[in-house]
Each structure stands twice: as structure tokens, then as C-alpha cells.
Amino acid sequence: MTGTPETPEHAHDDETYGPATDDVAERLAALDDDEAEQRARVLRAGLEDYELDDEDAALLEDWSGAEEEAPARRPAPVLAVVGRPNVGKSTLVNRILGRREAVVEDVPGVTRDRVSYRATWNGRNFTLVDTGGWEYDAKGINARVAEQAELAVERADAVLLVLDTTVGVTAADEAIVKMLRRVKKPVVLVANKVDSPALEVEATYLWSLGMGEPHPVSALHGRGAADALDAAVAALPEFSAVGGTEITGGPRRVALIGRPNVGKSSLLNRLAGTERVVVDPLAGTTRDPVDEIVELGGKPWRFIDTAGIRRRVHMQQGADFYASLRTQAALERAEVAVVLLAADEVLSEQDVRILQMAVDSGRALVLAFNKWDLVDEDRRYYLEKEIDRDLAHVAWAPRVNVSARTGWHKDKLVPALETALESWDTRIPTGRLNAFLGEIVAAHPHPVRGGKQPRILFGTQASSRPPKFVLFTSGFLEPGYRRFITRRLRETFGFRGTPIEVSMRVREKRARRR
């Protein structure tokens, strides 16, 4: 099987295979659905004369992308992990999750935002929230990190307070305890970095904080983590008291991606109507993907703010390297990617590479040009021309001009997202697809190569999300012809905002029996 993920359009495709304007769409619109299905059945029957394998047979079965409506359910309880910087909160989070999910580095202040993960312990589902280090006298970016930690506590059902046993109780620890007493949430005290039995004695001194029994834990080695987690889960209610009803499967998932300091976190804060994410002029402020449910257009959306993707992954190290990997993982669990580009800067190689990453992931795509309100009228005309030229390979993606700082045109983001997702979910009925292919081939047949002319025997849409089409052919279709078919699929059926893939299966006729 040969696939053709979308590549930049080539002008010679139009010259070789015919003009973009013909009456194919009109003839398809006039075609009755029953007649189209009848044609498809005849073509499908004709495939029996060709050598087909088990994978072909499975592909040719009726495909259905229908999903049952998701029922409402009450949200799982929320457990927030707090503590001052560098006490091992993210290491403990990774230990609880059983995987290296939170960014960890042996320097203080790596985690900056509050980051949510789904977790399970002894059959209990809950949401685990990692936070940045809390400091009572913090300034600048560290003050905003502390604010995020306090918000996490307010929106949690219980708190896991992590202290460093090797250091003992500090003034910052006492300030955190005072803050926790004020919010009146159940607290489980974790005495971390108890890497040997000798340090268990040091952990007992933490009784003096008046927060209950300290649980000696080594987050690095896993020692004592199960007992601390048992206590934490016991402190959680059956359902969250701080969240509303959610939908099984959740709202549509949107990943905000782009290079560092392009305005992703500012846009998320503006959409959420709150300082949800730490924003600072320092590039690379966000390191972990940050989820937030945002109400837009009368319905909820799950936005995922991600770390800025730097120039080359192999040149990154430490927190930036792992943050980049998590950005890619966030893109994989999203349904649509909003690539944020700076309208007041020249499109860079980084921007193009990030766009290609979004296309390669197979997610729906929306382009958002930030700081458009700062571009004067004369410059906008030429900027539009530059965008059309430099982004011709993603000309199918909806474009929105916004201002993350002021919220200008943020209401235009929802129609673009809905258009892209609708296209991403679309399936063309098999009858109408084959009628389209028949009209295209009749008007613009594949050129004869080597005395042979390959034919399209039958076409089917193998899947949606993104739409993938498989063509059964009698010979190899050259890449230019497949690009031509891809372009005509867009012109005829839309597919605005989603990558599409056209692949082929070359099959030979069965040998005649004597």
C-alpha cells in the first residue's frame, strides 16, 4: 500500500491533469444517492476478478464512524500536590502515575503551571494536579507560579503537602501550612526524600506542624509511596465537590502549539477569562501541557496549552527536552491543533516545522495569527500575500487573526474550530465517492505510461479523523495524479481544516481457470 500524505501543491499538476474548474461537482449534485450506491455495488462486484487479501476484505466491509451520545457523569475528585520548590513534587507525581509524565530536573522551579493528570489507585479514579513551588515572598514569575499553586488548592478536594525531610521545616513550609489551614481542605503530609531507614526518625519531627501524621516517602525510589497514597485516596470524596457535571469522552480537545513566547498562554488566559497559566516575557515559561475547560460559543472546550517548540529537539536538554516531548504527546491526544503565529514577525523555519508536525499528527488544523491588531493597514495587504505564498501547503486550514493580549477577534476562533472538526469527522458515502472518482477519471484520465494506463477500480474511505481514502487500482498512480485527486476531493467535498490522505492498493487480475 502506498500512501500520499499531503504535500505542497504543484502547478504542473493542473497543467497535466486538467483545469480545476469543470462541472464534476454539478453532475455529482444532480446524481441520485440510490443511483450512486448502485454504481458502487457494480464496481465492488468487479473487484472479485482481482487478487484480494484478507486486509482488503476487511477494508471493504461497511465502515461506520457513528458514535453513541456520551452520557453525563459526575467528575472524579481532585488531589493537589503542593510544596515549596525542589521538594520532589513532580517526582512524586510521576511515581503515582507510574510513568515519567511531569517534567523533572534537578534544579528548583521547573514546574510553573498547575498541570492535571488522570490517575487511578486501588480502583479509585481521581485527578492529580501537580503545581509549581509555592513561596510566600516570591516576586516576578515566581509570584505568578505561587498564585497558580494557591488556585490549585482552592479547586482541589484534598491536598498532598510535600516536604523535604533532609532539610526540615523552613519558613516557606510554615507559610504553606498557614495557607492550607485558611482554605480548610483535607491535607495528607508527605515527608519526602526518606531514602534510608535512618531518615525515618527525621520525618517524625514534622509532627510539629500540626498537620497530622507525616508519611515517610522516597518518591525517587518508591519507598512508602503506596501508604501515603492510601491515606490521600481515603481523604478524597467519591465525586469532586469543586467541579460540575462532565461528559464521558469530554469536550472537544484543542492543543495550542507554537514556538516559545508567541502568546499561547496569554491566549488561553484570555479565552478562560482568568490567569490560568503563568505568563512572562521570558521565553519558555510553560513547560508542561496545561489543560483548561473553556466555555466558548455556548459549549465547553478542553484547551491544552503547551511548551513552545524550540529549534531542534536534538539540541535541547533538561526540562526543555522533556517539555518538547510532552508537547508532542499533547498534540497526539488533541483533536484539533491551533498553531499560533506572530503576525508582526517573519514566518520562521521553526513555524513551518511546527505546522508540519501538526499536519503529520493527523489532527484538524486552525492557523491563528497573534498580534494582528498591531499590524497597520498598509502592511496587512502585503502580509496576506506573504501568508498565501509561504503557507500554500496548508491553504486548506482556516485562518483567524487575533490578539491574545486584548482578546480581539477571539469569538472568531469557535467557527474555525467547528469547521475544522466537522471536516475531520466527515465520511463520504461510498457510492458518492466512487461516482466522484468516475467523473474525475472520465474528464481527466491518468496518462499512459510505458504503453499502459492504470485504472481506478474502486475507492473507499477507510477512516475519518483524519479522512483517509484507499483506491484499488490496476496499476501505479503517479504522485502528481494522486495530488490532483486530493485537490479535487477538497474542491468537491470541502474538507476545510483537516489533512486528508489518499493511498492506493495495486491489484492484479486473477488468472483465468482452464
Protein backbone atom coordinates (compact mmCIF):
# COMPACT_ATOMS: atom_id res chain seq x y z
CA MET A 1 0.00 0.00 0.00
CA THR A 2 1.33 3.40 -0.98
CA GLY A 3 0.15 6.47 0.90
CA THR A 4 0.39 10.12 -0.01
CA PRO A 5 0.18 12.46 2.95
CA GLU A 6 -0.43 15.94 1.65
CA THR A 7 2.47 17.84 0.16
CA PRO A 8 2.64 21.38 -1.23
CA GLU A 9 0.55 21.86 -4.35
CA HIS A 10 2.42 21.85 -7.66
CA ALA A 11 1.36 23.98 -10.59
CA HIS A 12 2.23 21.30 -13.16
CA ASP A 13 -0.45 19.03 -11.67
CA ASP A 14 -3.09 21.41 -13.09
CA GLU A 15 -1.42 21.53 -16.48
CA THR A 16 -1.04 17.75 -16.74
CA TYR A 17 -4.37 16.54 -15.38
CA GLY A 18 -6.76 19.27 -16.37
CA PRO A 19 -8.18 22.55 -15.02
CA ALA A 20 -9.63 22.96 -11.58
CA THR A 21 -12.90 24.24 -13.00
CA ASP A 22 -15.24 21.73 -14.62
CA ASP A 23 -18.78 20.54 -13.98
CA VAL A 24 -17.89 17.45 -11.86
CA ALA A 25 -19.41 18.95 -8.71
CA GLU A 26 -22.60 19.89 -10.58
CA ARG A 27 -23.01 16.38 -12.01
CA LEU A 28 -22.44 14.87 -8.58
CA ALA A 29 -25.03 17.16 -7.03
CA ALA A 30 -27.56 16.03 -9.62
CA LEU A 31 -26.82 12.34 -9.06
CA ASP A 32 -29.38 10.42 -7.04
CA ASP A 33 -27.99 8.65 -3.93
CA ASP A 34 -29.57 5.33 -4.89
CA GLU A 35 -28.05 5.53 -8.35
CA ALA A 36 -24.64 6.31 -6.85
CA GLU A 37 -24.89 3.32 -4.49
CA GLN A 38 -25.90 1.07 -7.39
CA ARG A 39 -22.82 2.16 -9.36
CA ALA A 40 -20.62 1.47 -6.32
CA ARG A 41 -22.06 -2.05 -5.93
CA VAL A 42 -21.27 -2.83 -9.55
CA LEU A 43 -17.68 -1.60 -9.14
CA ARG A 44 -17.33 -3.53 -5.87
CA ALA A 45 -18.51 -6.72 -7.58
CA GLY A 46 -15.90 -6.16 -10.31
CA LEU A 47 -13.13 -6.40 -7.68
CA GLU A 48 -13.85 -10.13 -7.35
CA ASP A 49 -11.90 -10.56 -10.59
CA TYR A 50 -8.76 -9.31 -8.83
CA GLU A 51 -6.41 -10.85 -6.27
CA LEU A 52 -7.53 -9.57 -2.85
CA ASP A 53 -6.09 -10.44 0.56
CA ASP A 54 -7.72 -10.60 3.99
CA GLU A 55 -6.78 -6.99 4.75
CA ASP A 56 -8.53 -5.88 1.55
CA ALA A 57 -11.67 -7.81 2.53
CA ALA A 58 -11.73 -6.19 5.97
CA LEU A 59 -11.27 -2.75 4.43
CA LEU A 60 -14.13 -3.27 2.00
CA GLU A 61 -16.65 -4.13 4.72
CA ASP A 62 -19.18 -1.43 5.57
CA TRP A 63 -17.48 1.22 7.68
CA SER A 64 -19.33 3.20 10.28
CA GLY A 65 -17.97 6.12 12.25
CA ALA A 66 -21.13 6.60 14.29
CA GLU A 67 -20.62 7.15 17.99
CA GLU A 68 -23.18 6.91 20.76
CA GLU A 69 -24.02 10.13 22.52
CA ALA A 70 -21.85 10.39 25.59
CA PRO A 71 -23.75 10.29 28.88
CA ALA A 72 -23.22 12.85 31.60
CA ARG A 73 -21.31 11.88 34.73
CA ARG A 74 -20.04 13.45 37.92
CA PRO A 75 -16.36 14.39 37.90
CA ALA A 76 -13.66 12.43 39.74
CA PRO A 77 -12.22 14.01 42.92
CA VAL A 78 -9.18 16.28 42.67
CA LEU A 79 -5.93 15.81 44.62
CA ALA A 80 -3.46 18.74 44.51
CA VAL A 81 0.26 18.21 45.20
CA VAL A 82 1.83 21.31 46.77
CA GLY A 83 5.07 22.31 48.45
CA ARG A 84 7.93 24.73 48.14
CA PRO A 85 10.33 24.47 45.17
CA ASN A 86 12.53 21.39 44.68
CA VAL A 87 10.98 19.14 47.35
CA GLY A 88 10.20 16.46 44.76
CA LYS A 89 6.54 17.12 43.88
CA SER A 90 6.84 16.22 40.20
CA THR A 91 8.91 13.13 41.03
CA LEU A 92 6.13 12.02 43.38
CA VAL A 93 3.53 12.73 40.68
CA ASN A 94 5.44 10.52 38.25
CA ARG A 95 5.65 7.80 40.92
CA ILE A 96 1.87 7.92 41.46
CA LEU A 97 1.15 7.89 37.73
CA GLY A 98 3.61 5.07 37.13
CA ARG A 99 5.21 6.90 34.20
CA ARG A 100 7.50 9.88 33.54
CA GLU A 101 4.77 12.40 32.76
CA ALA A 102 5.69 15.53 34.74
CA VAL A 103 8.86 17.38 33.73
CA VAL A 104 11.62 16.71 36.28
CA GLU A 105 15.06 18.28 36.52
CA ASP A 106 17.47 18.63 39.43
CA VAL A 107 17.01 22.39 39.73
CA PRO A 108 14.25 24.28 41.54
CA GLY A 109 11.34 25.85 39.68
CA VAL A 110 11.00 23.50 36.70
CA THR A 111 7.20 23.16 37.12
CA ARG A 112 5.45 26.51 36.76
CA ASP A 113 1.78 25.90 35.99
CA ARG A 114 -0.76 23.65 37.65
CA VAL A 115 -0.93 20.53 35.49
CA SER A 116 -3.71 17.92 35.70
CA TYR A 117 -3.37 14.17 35.11
CA ARG A 118 -5.89 11.34 35.33
CA ALA A 119 -4.81 8.80 37.92
CA THR A 120 -6.07 5.55 39.45
CA TRP A 121 -5.22 3.90 42.76
CA ASN A 122 -6.82 0.71 44.12
CA GLY A 123 -9.74 1.10 41.74
CA ARG A 124 -10.35 4.77 42.64
CA ASN A 125 -10.17 7.30 39.80
CA PHE A 126 -9.08 10.83 40.63
CA THR A 127 -7.45 13.89 39.06
CA LEU A 128 -3.90 14.57 40.21
CA VAL A 129 -2.72 18.19 39.99
CA ASP A 130 1.00 18.99 40.01
CA THR A 131 1.88 22.58 40.94
CA GLY A 132 4.84 24.90 40.86
CA GLY A 133 6.83 25.61 44.00
CA TRP A 134 4.98 27.84 46.50
CA GLU A 135 6.94 30.70 48.06
CA TYR A 136 5.32 33.29 50.33
CA ASP A 137 7.81 36.06 49.43
CA ALA A 138 8.12 35.27 45.73
CA LYS A 139 8.47 38.04 43.15
CA GLY A 140 8.19 38.26 39.38
CA ILE A 141 7.43 34.99 37.60
CA ASN A 142 7.79 33.04 40.87
CA ALA A 143 4.92 35.05 42.38
CA ARG A 144 2.67 34.02 39.49
CA VAL A 145 3.76 30.40 39.96
CA ALA A 146 2.73 30.64 43.64
CA GLU A 147 -0.66 32.08 42.62
CA GLN A 148 -1.26 29.06 40.39
CA ALA A 149 -0.45 26.73 43.30
CA GLU A 150 -2.95 28.55 45.55
CA LEU A 151 -5.63 28.28 42.85
CA ALA A 152 -4.92 24.56 42.61
CA VAL A 153 -5.54 24.18 46.35
CA GLU A 154 -8.80 26.13 46.17
CA ARG A 155 -10.05 23.90 43.34
CA ALA A 156 -8.97 20.61 44.95
CA ASP A 157 -10.90 18.23 47.21
CA ALA A 158 -7.77 17.24 49.17
CA VAL A 159 -4.12 18.26 49.28
CA LEU A 160 -0.86 16.30 49.32
CA LEU A 161 1.66 18.53 51.12
CA VAL A 162 5.24 17.51 50.24
CA LEU A 163 8.19 18.50 52.47
CA ASP A 164 11.91 17.74 52.20
CA THR A 165 12.92 15.58 55.20
CA THR A 166 16.63 16.23 54.65
CA VAL A 167 16.11 19.99 55.12
CA GLY A 168 13.43 20.02 57.80
CA VAL A 169 10.73 22.64 58.33
CA THR A 170 11.51 26.01 56.74
CA ALA A 171 9.77 29.37 56.95
CA ALA A 172 8.29 28.66 53.49
CA ASP A 173 6.85 25.36 54.75
CA GLU A 174 5.24 27.10 57.72
CA ALA A 175 3.73 29.71 55.38
CA ILE A 176 2.23 26.95 53.21
CA VAL A 177 0.73 25.31 56.29
CA LYS A 178 -0.84 28.63 57.29
CA MET A 179 -2.34 28.96 53.80
CA LEU A 180 -3.69 25.40 53.93
CA ARG A 181 -5.34 26.00 57.32
CA ARG A 182 -7.08 29.01 55.81
CA VAL A 183 -8.65 27.06 52.90
CA LYS A 184 -9.71 24.19 55.23
CA LYS A 185 -9.09 21.26 52.87
CA PRO A 186 -8.09 17.73 54.00
CA VAL A 187 -4.28 17.53 53.98
CA VAL A 188 -2.01 14.48 53.81
CA LEU A 189 1.56 15.26 54.87
CA VAL A 190 4.37 13.61 52.85
CA ALA A 191 7.90 13.59 54.26
CA ASN A 192 9.84 13.11 51.02
CA LYS A 193 13.46 12.08 50.35
CA VAL A 194 13.43 9.45 53.12
CA ASP A 195 15.82 7.29 51.09
CA SER A 196 17.02 5.20 54.03
CA PRO A 197 15.58 3.87 57.34
CA ALA A 198 17.84 6.26 59.25
CA LEU A 199 15.96 9.25 57.84
CA GLU A 200 12.61 7.99 59.16
CA VAL A 201 13.49 9.49 62.55
CA GLU A 202 13.90 12.90 60.89
CA ALA A 203 10.41 12.57 59.41
CA THR A 204 8.84 12.31 62.88
CA TYR A 205 9.87 15.91 63.61
CA LEU A 206 7.25 17.04 61.07
CA TRP A 207 4.51 16.23 63.61
CA SER A 208 5.27 19.70 64.99
CA LEU A 209 3.46 21.30 62.03
CA GLY A 210 0.13 20.12 63.42
CA MET A 211 -0.97 18.69 60.04
CA GLY A 212 -1.33 15.10 61.22
CA GLU A 213 0.86 12.06 60.67
CA PRO A 214 3.84 12.58 58.34
CA HIS A 215 4.18 9.73 55.82
CA PRO A 216 7.88 8.95 55.13
CA VAL A 217 8.33 8.55 51.37
CA SER A 218 11.10 8.28 48.82
CA ALA A 219 9.48 9.49 45.62
CA LEU A 220 12.68 8.68 43.74
CA HIS A 221 12.75 5.02 44.78
CA GLY A 222 9.05 4.48 45.55
CA ARG A 223 9.58 3.69 49.22
CA GLY A 224 6.46 4.42 51.30
CA ALA A 225 4.57 5.98 48.37
CA ALA A 226 1.77 3.39 48.50
CA ASP A 227 0.97 4.12 52.18
CA ALA A 228 0.87 7.88 51.54
CA LEU A 229 -1.38 7.38 48.53
CA ASP A 230 -3.72 5.14 50.53
CA ALA A 231 -4.15 7.97 53.03
CA ALA A 232 -4.66 10.54 50.28
CA VAL A 233 -7.33 8.50 48.47
CA ALA A 234 -9.11 7.89 51.78
CA ALA A 235 -9.33 11.68 52.24
CA LEU A 236 -10.98 12.16 48.85
CA PRO A 237 -14.77 12.21 48.41
CA GLU A 238 -16.44 9.86 45.93
CA PHE A 239 -17.04 12.72 43.49
CA SER A 240 -15.47 16.14 43.23
CA ALA A 241 -17.19 18.90 45.20
CA VAL A 242 -15.43 21.60 43.17
CA GLY A 243 -16.31 20.56 39.61
CA GLY A 244 -19.56 20.36 37.68
CA THR A 245 -21.05 17.61 35.56
CA GLU A 246 -18.78 16.48 32.73
CA ILE A 247 -19.35 14.39 29.64
CA THR A 248 -17.88 10.91 29.17
CA GLY A 249 -15.24 11.35 26.48
CA GLY A 250 -15.02 15.03 27.40
CA PRO A 251 -15.33 18.25 25.36
CA ARG A 252 -13.51 18.60 22.05
CA ARG A 253 -9.77 18.81 22.71
CA VAL A 254 -7.75 21.73 21.35
CA ALA A 255 -3.93 21.92 21.51
CA LEU A 256 -2.34 25.37 21.41
CA ILE A 257 1.08 24.98 19.82
CA GLY A 258 3.75 27.31 18.51
CA ARG A 259 7.26 28.48 19.16
CA PRO A 260 8.21 29.97 22.56
CA ASN A 261 6.77 33.33 23.60
CA VAL A 262 4.35 33.60 20.67
CA GLY A 263 1.40 34.17 23.05
CA LYS A 264 -0.12 30.71 23.65
CA SER A 265 -0.52 31.13 27.41
CA SER A 266 -1.84 34.69 27.03
CA LEU A 267 -4.46 33.46 24.57
CA LEU A 268 -5.54 30.66 26.91
CA ASN A 269 -5.86 33.11 29.81
CA ARG A 270 -7.94 35.45 27.63
CA LEU A 271 -10.22 32.62 26.49
CA ALA A 272 -10.58 31.28 30.04
CA GLY A 273 -11.23 34.74 31.46
CA THR A 274 -8.74 34.09 34.27
CA GLU A 275 -5.00 33.95 34.86
CA ARG A 276 -4.97 30.19 34.29
CA VAL A 277 -1.39 29.94 33.02
CA VAL A 278 1.79 31.69 34.08
CA VAL A 279 2.65 34.41 31.55
CA ASP A 280 6.02 36.16 31.49
CA PRO A 281 8.15 37.91 28.84
CA LEU A 282 10.72 35.17 29.48
CA ALA A 283 10.53 32.71 26.56
CA GLY A 284 9.74 29.12 27.52
CA THR A 285 7.71 29.91 30.64
CA THR A 286 5.35 26.97 30.04
CA ARG A 287 6.99 23.55 30.35
CA ASP A 288 4.15 21.08 30.98
CA PRO A 289 0.98 20.84 28.86
CA VAL A 290 -1.80 22.61 30.80
CA ASP A 291 -5.46 21.61 30.40
CA GLU A 292 -8.32 24.02 30.94
CA ILE A 293 -12.05 23.70 30.24
CA VAL A 294 -13.11 26.91 28.47
CA GLU A 295 -16.68 27.95 27.68
CA LEU A 296 -16.80 29.30 24.11
CA GLY A 297 -19.73 29.62 21.76
CA GLY A 298 -22.09 28.21 24.37
CA LYS A 299 -20.26 24.90 24.87
CA PRO A 300 -17.15 23.64 26.67
CA TRP A 301 -13.78 23.07 25.01
CA ARG A 302 -10.72 21.44 26.55
CA PHE A 303 -7.75 23.66 25.68
CA ILE A 304 -4.23 22.32 26.13
CA ASP A 305 -1.52 24.96 26.43
CA THR A 306 1.87 23.53 25.52
CA ALA A 307 5.52 24.40 25.87
CA GLY A 308 7.00 26.31 22.94
CA ILE A 309 8.77 24.02 20.50
CA ARG A 310 12.35 25.13 20.08
CA ARG A 311 14.57 24.94 17.03
CA ARG A 312 15.76 21.33 17.11
CA VAL A 313 14.83 18.61 19.60
CA HIS A 314 18.29 17.01 19.49
CA MET A 315 19.85 20.32 20.61
CA GLN A 316 17.60 20.58 23.66
CA GLN A 317 18.46 19.33 27.10
CA GLY A 318 16.95 19.07 30.55
CA ALA A 319 13.48 20.49 31.09
CA ASP A 320 13.21 21.89 27.54
CA PHE A 321 13.83 18.45 26.03
CA TYR A 322 11.16 16.71 28.11
CA ALA A 323 8.75 19.61 27.68
CA SER A 324 9.10 19.26 23.91
CA LEU A 325 8.30 15.56 24.09
CA ARG A 326 5.22 16.33 26.19
CA THR A 327 4.12 18.93 23.67
CA GLN A 328 4.14 16.23 21.01
CA ALA A 329 2.22 13.91 23.33
CA ALA A 330 -0.35 16.68 23.98
CA LEU A 331 -0.78 17.08 20.23
CA GLU A 332 -1.42 13.35 19.91
CA ARG A 333 -4.25 13.42 22.47
CA ALA A 334 -5.84 16.54 20.95
CA GLU A 335 -8.39 16.55 18.14
CA VAL A 336 -7.55 19.92 16.65
CA ALA A 337 -4.36 21.96 16.76
CA VAL A 338 -4.36 25.75 16.86
CA VAL A 339 -0.95 26.85 15.59
CA LEU A 340 -0.22 30.32 16.88
CA LEU A 341 1.94 32.52 14.63
CA ALA A 342 3.19 36.06 15.26
CA ALA A 343 1.74 38.45 12.67
CA ASP A 344 4.38 41.10 13.45
CA GLU A 345 7.29 38.74 12.73
CA VAL A 346 8.56 36.99 9.62
CA LEU A 347 7.47 33.36 9.28
CA SER A 348 10.42 31.33 10.52
CA GLU A 349 11.72 27.86 9.80
CA GLN A 350 10.52 26.94 13.30
CA ASP A 351 6.96 27.97 12.40
CA VAL A 352 6.98 25.86 9.24
CA ARG A 353 8.35 22.85 11.13
CA ILE A 354 5.66 23.17 13.83
CA LEU A 355 2.97 23.39 11.16
CA GLN A 356 4.29 20.24 9.54
CA MET A 357 4.28 18.49 12.93
CA ALA A 358 0.58 19.34 13.30
CA VAL A 359 -0.19 18.07 9.78
CA ASP A 360 1.82 14.88 10.32
CA SER A 361 -0.07 14.20 13.55
CA GLY A 362 -3.28 13.92 11.52
CA ARG A 363 -5.13 16.45 13.67
CA ALA A 364 -7.52 19.11 12.40
CA LEU A 365 -5.75 22.43 11.96
CA VAL A 366 -6.51 26.11 12.56
CA LEU A 367 -3.98 28.90 11.99
CA ALA A 368 -4.17 31.81 14.45
CA PHE A 369 -2.15 34.94 13.72
CA ASN A 370 -1.49 36.74 17.01
CA LYS A 371 -0.85 40.50 17.37
CA TRP A 372 -2.75 41.19 14.15
CA ASP A 373 -4.16 44.35 15.75
CA LEU A 374 -0.61 45.75 15.86
CA VAL A 375 -0.17 45.46 12.09
CA ASP A 376 -1.08 48.65 10.19
CA GLU A 377 -3.44 48.60 7.19
CA ASP A 378 -0.73 49.02 4.53
CA ARG A 379 1.32 46.17 5.97
CA ARG A 380 -1.71 43.87 6.20
CA TYR A 381 -2.14 43.81 2.41
CA TYR A 382 1.41 42.60 1.82
CA LEU A 383 1.27 40.28 4.82
CA GLU A 384 -1.75 38.50 3.34
CA LYS A 385 0.22 37.94 0.12
CA GLU A 386 3.20 36.59 2.06
CA ILE A 387 0.99 34.19 4.01
CA ASP A 388 -0.65 32.91 0.83
CA ARG A 389 2.80 32.27 -0.65
CA ASP A 390 4.61 30.82 2.38
CA LEU A 391 1.73 28.71 3.68
CA ALA A 392 0.40 27.40 0.35
CA HIS A 393 0.85 23.81 1.61
CA VAL A 394 -1.75 24.44 4.35
CA ALA A 395 -4.03 26.74 2.37
CA TRP A 396 -6.88 24.41 3.37
CA ALA A 397 -6.61 25.41 7.05
CA PRO A 398 -8.98 28.13 8.41
CA ARG A 399 -7.18 31.32 9.43
CA VAL A 400 -8.09 33.57 12.35
CA ASN A 401 -6.49 36.91 13.15
CA VAL A 402 -6.47 37.55 16.91
CA SER A 403 -4.89 39.47 19.76
CA ALA A 404 -4.05 37.28 22.75
CA ARG A 405 -3.40 40.37 24.85
CA THR A 406 -6.77 42.10 24.33
CA GLY A 407 -8.99 39.22 23.21
CA TRP A 408 -9.66 40.94 19.86
CA HIS A 409 -11.46 38.55 17.45
CA LYS A 410 -11.37 35.66 19.93
CA ASP A 411 -15.04 34.97 19.05
CA LYS A 412 -13.93 34.02 15.53
CA LEU A 413 -11.95 31.08 16.86
CA VAL A 414 -15.04 28.91 17.53
CA PRO A 415 -16.40 28.88 13.93
CA ALA A 416 -12.91 27.99 12.68
CA LEU A 417 -12.60 25.15 15.21
CA GLU A 418 -16.06 23.82 14.39
CA THR A 419 -15.37 23.91 10.64
CA ALA A 420 -12.07 22.06 11.04
CA LEU A 421 -13.54 19.41 13.35
CA GLU A 422 -16.58 18.86 11.14
CA SER A 423 -14.26 18.20 8.19
CA TRP A 424 -12.05 15.99 10.37
CA ASP A 425 -15.09 13.87 11.29
CA THR A 426 -16.53 13.71 7.76
CA ARG A 427 -17.11 10.48 5.86
CA ILE A 428 -18.14 10.47 2.20
CA PRO A 429 -20.68 7.73 1.33
CA THR A 430 -19.02 5.01 -0.75
CA GLY A 431 -21.46 5.46 -3.60
CA ARG A 432 -20.85 9.20 -3.88
CA LEU A 433 -17.07 8.74 -3.58
CA ASN A 434 -17.00 6.26 -6.48
CA ALA A 435 -19.27 8.49 -8.55
CA PHE A 436 -16.79 11.32 -7.94
CA LEU A 437 -13.85 9.12 -8.96
CA GLY A 438 -15.69 8.02 -12.09
CA GLU A 439 -16.38 11.61 -13.14
CA ILE A 440 -12.79 12.69 -12.44
CA VAL A 441 -11.25 9.79 -14.36
CA ALA A 442 -13.62 10.31 -17.30
CA ALA A 443 -12.74 14.02 -17.51
CA HIS A 444 -9.03 13.68 -16.67
CA PRO A 445 -7.73 10.10 -17.21
CA HIS A 446 -4.34 9.05 -15.90
CA PRO A 447 -1.64 9.47 -18.58
CA VAL A 448 -0.42 6.38 -20.42
CA ARG A 449 3.00 5.34 -19.14
CA GLY A 450 5.01 2.56 -20.80
CA GLY A 451 2.09 1.64 -23.02
CA LYS A 452 -0.22 1.08 -20.02
CA GLN A 453 -2.87 3.21 -18.41
CA PRO A 454 -3.64 2.39 -14.76
CA ARG A 455 -7.33 2.41 -13.81
CA ILE A 456 -9.07 3.16 -10.52
CA LEU A 457 -11.19 0.08 -9.86
CA PHE A 458 -12.89 1.13 -6.62
CA GLY A 459 -12.50 3.66 -3.82
CA THR A 460 -13.45 3.64 -0.17
CA GLN A 461 -12.92 5.89 2.83
CA ALA A 462 -11.02 3.72 5.27
CA SER A 463 -11.46 6.07 8.23
CA SER A 464 -12.11 9.59 9.39
CA ARG A 465 -10.25 11.67 11.99
CA PRO A 466 -8.49 12.43 9.66
CA PRO A 467 -10.18 11.28 6.43
CA LYS A 468 -8.16 8.52 4.73
CA PHE A 469 -9.08 7.17 1.32
CA VAL A 470 -7.92 3.93 -0.27
CA LEU A 471 -8.05 3.43 -4.05
CA PHE A 472 -7.91 -0.06 -5.55
CA THR A 473 -6.10 0.33 -8.86
CA SER A 474 -4.90 -1.83 -11.77
CA GLY A 475 -1.52 -0.06 -11.78
CA PHE A 476 0.62 2.52 -10.02
CA LEU A 477 -0.83 6.05 -9.88
CA GLU A 478 1.99 8.56 -10.07
CA PRO A 479 2.25 11.03 -7.16
CA GLY A 480 1.15 14.00 -9.25
CA TYR A 481 -2.13 12.29 -10.14
CA ARG A 482 -2.80 11.42 -6.51
CA ARG A 483 -2.17 15.05 -5.54
CA PHE A 484 -4.62 16.00 -8.26
CA ILE A 485 -7.27 13.67 -6.79
CA THR A 486 -6.59 15.06 -3.31
CA ARG A 487 -7.07 18.61 -4.54
CA ARG A 488 -10.29 17.71 -6.33
CA LEU A 489 -11.61 15.97 -3.20
CA ARG A 490 -11.21 19.28 -1.38
CA GLU A 491 -12.80 21.30 -4.14
CA THR A 492 -15.79 18.96 -4.33
CA PHE A 493 -16.40 17.92 -0.70
CA GLY A 494 -14.76 20.69 1.31
CA PHE A 495 -12.51 19.15 3.97
CA ARG A 496 -11.55 22.62 5.15
CA GLY A 497 -9.29 22.40 8.17
CA THR A 498 -8.27 18.74 8.02
CA PRO A 499 -5.38 16.90 6.39
CA ILE A 500 -6.52 14.09 4.09
CA GLU A 501 -4.61 11.10 2.81
CA VAL A 502 -5.06 9.18 -0.43
CA SER A 503 -3.34 5.80 -0.67
CA MET A 504 -3.61 3.01 -3.22
CA ARG A 505 -3.59 -0.76 -3.44
CA VAL A 506 -2.38 -2.06 -6.77
CA ARG A 507 -4.08 -5.38 -7.52
CA GLU A 508 -3.65 -7.83 -10.41
CA LYS A 509 -6.36 -9.79 -12.14
CA ARG A 510 -6.90 -13.39 -11.14
CA ALA A 511 -5.56 -15.97 -13.55
CA ARG A 512 -8.35 -17.50 -15.63
CA ARG A 513 -9.17 -21.10 -14.83
CA ARG A 514 -8.92 -23.53 -17.72
